Structure formats: C-alpha cells, structure tokens
Amino acid sequence: MPLEAESSFQIGKAVGDYVISSLVSKGTNTSTWEATQVSVQRQVLVCSLDDAYLDDHETRAEFMADVRTKAAVDHPLIASILEAVNEGPFCFFAYEKITGEDLGELHDEGKTISPLHVARIIRNVSSACDQLETARVATLHISPHDIFVDPDYHCRISNLAVS
C-alpha cells in the first residue's frame, strides 16, 4: 500500500499499512502512536520522528540507526520491530504491542504478585537482559513501565536497544 502524501501522523489517517488510532506518548523528537496494521488486523505501536525533525538529516540518521539496532534484537521476550519506513516525509517504525499491564501500572493499582511469579518474572527479565549484554547491545535503562505481565504472569519486555 503506498504511503499517503500527508507528512504528519493524525488520528484516523492511514500511513502505509497502518491506521492511526491514538497518541500514546511524546518523546524529545518522536511520537508513539497506537495503530491498526490493516493487512493483518492487529494492534501495533508506531514510533514516528516528529515533523520538525524530518529535514534534520543527522537526527533522521540517528533515529534509523536506533531502529536497525532494535530490529536486530532477536529474543522471544523482547518486543519485535515489524517494519521501518524512511521515505520522503515519513520516518517511522512499527513494532509489536505487548499485551498485559506493565509493572508500574500493577504497582499503581496496588496489585500484588506472588513470590513464585515474581521469581519467574525476574528470571525472564534477567535472561533477556543477559542476552543483550552478551551480544553487546546498548540499551536504555529498564523501568517498571518496560516490563509487561499478562493475566497468566508471562512477561515481555519493551525493546530498549539503541545504536
């Protein structure tokens, strides 16, 4: 599906195979959106370089370098990159939306986790982080908001790799 000519992401608009549904967060020079990947009808997240930086070749190159590093991560507990686009007025990547609540949300809601499930979560997070460290992949610092737990206490981690 060709990209639309409009250069900014807007709720309800299609950008490639993605229909934007809501703004999730804003970073220094990026925005993260919830979207539907039309071809497979699944919810994903899309991180876009903000319009103000699209003509900044250095910022755009750094953004894409981080995307390439994230895409190279291959661990079942770490969110996968689905697609990257760096074409004309578009500079974004789509990645898997992890199901469940993050540990920060669980804490804020006053929910407790049994010692057995805590041990399993710590083991899984440690395994994923150890693989990244062994592969010498630089990452952002992990926070409780980067660790997601589903109703069965399986955990997954945001992709925090950076170039």
Protein backbone atom coordinates (compact mmCIF):
# COMPACT_ATOMS: atom_id res chain seq x y z
CA MET A 1 0.00 0.00 0.00
CA PRO A 2 1.62 3.34 -0.94
CA LEU A 3 2.21 5.97 1.69
CA GLU A 4 -0.17 8.91 1.73
CA ALA A 5 1.20 12.30 0.73
CA GLU A 6 0.36 13.96 4.05
CA SER A 7 3.51 14.33 6.13
CA SER A 8 2.13 14.24 9.67
CA PHE A 9 0.52 11.46 11.63
CA GLN A 10 -3.07 12.13 12.60
CA ILE A 11 -5.69 10.07 14.38
CA GLY A 12 -7.86 8.25 11.85
CA LYS A 13 -5.39 8.64 8.99
CA ALA A 14 -3.70 5.78 7.16
CA VAL A 15 0.08 5.76 6.86
CA GLY A 16 1.14 2.85 4.72
CA ASP A 17 -0.44 -0.29 6.18
CA TYR A 18 -1.33 1.45 9.46
CA VAL A 19 -4.39 3.38 10.57
CA ILE A 20 -3.52 5.66 13.48
CA SER A 21 -5.93 5.40 16.43
CA SER A 22 -4.39 7.35 19.31
CA LEU A 23 -1.31 9.15 20.57
CA VAL A 24 0.36 7.08 23.31
CA SER A 25 3.33 9.29 24.24
CA LYS A 26 5.63 12.09 23.10
CA GLY A 27 9.40 11.98 23.36
CA THR A 28 12.01 14.63 22.68
CA ASN A 29 11.76 14.25 18.92
CA THR A 30 9.36 11.35 18.46
CA SER A 31 5.73 10.43 18.97
CA THR A 32 4.39 6.96 19.69
CA TRP A 33 1.00 6.03 18.31
CA GLU A 34 -1.34 3.10 18.70
CA ALA A 35 -2.42 1.87 15.28
CA THR A 36 -4.06 -1.00 13.46
CA GLN A 37 -1.98 -2.86 10.92
CA VAL A 38 -4.65 -3.21 8.24
CA SER A 39 -3.24 -6.21 6.34
CA VAL A 40 -3.35 -8.49 9.39
CA GLN A 41 -5.86 -6.61 11.58
CA ARG A 42 -3.65 -6.36 14.66
CA GLN A 43 -2.92 -3.61 17.12
CA VAL A 44 0.64 -2.28 16.93
CA LEU A 45 2.62 0.72 18.08
CA VAL A 46 4.20 3.15 15.64
CA CYS A 47 7.05 5.45 16.65
CA SER A 48 7.45 8.39 14.29
CA LEU A 49 10.06 11.07 14.02
CA ASP A 50 8.27 14.37 14.61
CA ASP A 51 7.69 16.58 11.57
CA ALA A 52 10.01 19.30 12.90
CA TYR A 53 12.96 16.88 12.58
CA LEU A 54 12.21 15.34 9.19
CA ASP A 55 14.63 17.68 7.39
CA ASP A 56 17.34 17.22 10.05
CA HIS A 57 19.49 14.59 8.32
CA GLU A 58 21.55 13.87 11.44
CA THR A 59 18.51 13.29 13.67
CA ARG A 60 16.86 11.18 10.98
CA ALA A 61 20.02 9.06 10.57
CA GLU A 62 20.29 8.57 14.36
CA PHE A 63 16.62 7.55 14.52
CA MET A 64 17.10 4.97 11.77
CA ALA A 65 20.32 3.67 13.37
CA ASP A 66 18.37 3.01 16.57
CA VAL A 67 15.65 1.25 14.55
CA ARG A 68 18.23 -1.01 12.88
CA THR A 69 19.67 -1.89 16.30
CA LYS A 70 16.20 -2.68 17.68
CA ALA A 71 15.36 -4.77 14.60
CA ALA A 72 18.49 -6.88 15.13
CA VAL A 73 17.31 -7.95 18.60
CA ASP A 74 16.01 -11.50 18.48
CA HIS A 75 14.63 -12.69 21.81
CA PRO A 76 11.14 -14.12 22.40
CA LEU A 77 10.58 -11.91 25.45
CA ILE A 78 11.55 -8.64 23.76
CA ALA A 79 9.12 -6.75 21.51
CA SER A 80 9.82 -7.19 17.81
CA ILE A 81 10.16 -4.49 15.18
CA LEU A 82 7.70 -5.18 12.36
CA GLU A 83 8.64 -2.60 9.75
CA ALA A 84 10.67 0.57 9.29
CA VAL A 85 9.96 3.33 6.76
CA ASN A 86 12.36 6.13 5.88
CA GLU A 87 10.83 7.51 2.72
CA GLY A 88 10.04 11.09 1.79
CA PRO A 89 8.01 12.75 4.53
CA PHE A 90 7.84 9.55 6.59
CA CYS A 91 10.33 8.30 9.12
CA PHE A 92 8.83 5.71 11.48
CA PHE A 93 8.88 2.15 12.63
CA ALA A 94 6.09 -0.18 13.67
CA TYR A 95 6.52 -2.65 16.46
CA GLU A 96 4.59 -5.25 18.33
CA LYS A 97 2.22 -4.03 21.02
CA ILE A 98 2.81 -6.16 24.10
CA THR A 99 -0.32 -7.33 25.89
CA GLY A 100 -0.84 -7.10 29.63
CA GLU A 101 -0.11 -4.43 32.19
CA ASP A 102 3.29 -3.02 32.93
CA LEU A 103 4.76 -3.45 36.42
CA GLY A 104 4.37 0.27 37.07
CA GLU A 105 0.63 0.06 36.40
CA LEU A 106 0.31 -3.02 38.61
CA HIS A 107 2.10 -1.19 41.41
CA ASP A 108 0.00 1.96 41.00
CA GLU A 109 -3.18 -0.15 41.17
CA GLY A 110 -1.98 -1.80 44.39
CA LYS A 111 -1.94 -5.28 42.84
CA THR A 112 0.32 -7.88 44.35
CA ILE A 113 2.27 -10.66 42.66
CA SER A 114 3.06 -13.94 44.41
CA PRO A 115 6.72 -14.67 45.22
CA LEU A 116 6.72 -17.53 42.70
CA HIS A 117 5.53 -15.22 39.88
CA VAL A 118 8.00 -12.52 40.94
CA ALA A 119 10.83 -15.06 40.71
CA ARG A 120 9.69 -16.11 37.22
CA ILE A 121 9.43 -12.50 36.05
CA ILE A 122 12.91 -11.71 37.40
CA ARG A 123 14.33 -14.85 35.74
CA ASN A 124 12.82 -13.93 32.38
CA VAL A 125 13.90 -10.30 32.52
CA SER A 126 17.40 -11.39 33.56
CA SER A 127 17.57 -13.87 30.68
CA ALA A 128 16.61 -11.23 28.12
CA CYS A 129 18.96 -8.62 29.56
CA ASP A 130 21.81 -11.16 29.74
CA GLN A 131 21.41 -11.97 26.05
CA LEU A 132 21.56 -8.27 25.17
CA GLU A 133 24.63 -7.77 27.36
CA THR A 134 26.36 -10.84 25.91
CA ALA A 135 25.66 -9.57 22.39
CA ARG A 136 26.99 -6.14 23.47
CA VAL A 137 23.75 -4.39 22.54
CA ALA A 138 23.45 -0.96 24.14
CA THR A 139 20.09 -0.30 25.79
CA LEU A 140 18.21 2.38 27.61
CA HIS A 141 17.72 1.79 31.34
CA ILE A 142 14.86 -0.58 32.06
CA SER A 143 11.98 0.68 34.18
CA PRO A 144 8.85 -0.95 35.64
CA HIS A 145 6.93 0.53 32.70
CA ASP A 146 9.03 -1.56 30.28
CA ILE A 147 8.10 -4.94 31.78
CA PHE A 148 4.65 -6.23 30.84
CA VAL A 149 2.83 -9.03 32.62
CA ASP A 150 -0.21 -10.81 31.19
CA PRO A 151 -3.01 -12.32 33.30
CA ASP A 152 -1.09 -15.63 33.45
CA TYR A 153 2.05 -13.79 34.68
CA HIS A 154 4.03 -14.33 31.49
CA CYS A 155 6.25 -11.31 30.99
CA ARG A 156 7.57 -9.48 27.92
CA ILE A 157 9.89 -6.50 27.70
CA SER A 158 9.93 -3.36 25.59
CA ASN A 159 12.70 -3.20 23.02
CA LEU A 160 15.15 -0.76 24.63
CA ALA A 161 18.06 -1.31 22.23
CA VAL A 162 19.82 1.79 20.93
CA SER A 163 22.69 2.29 18.48
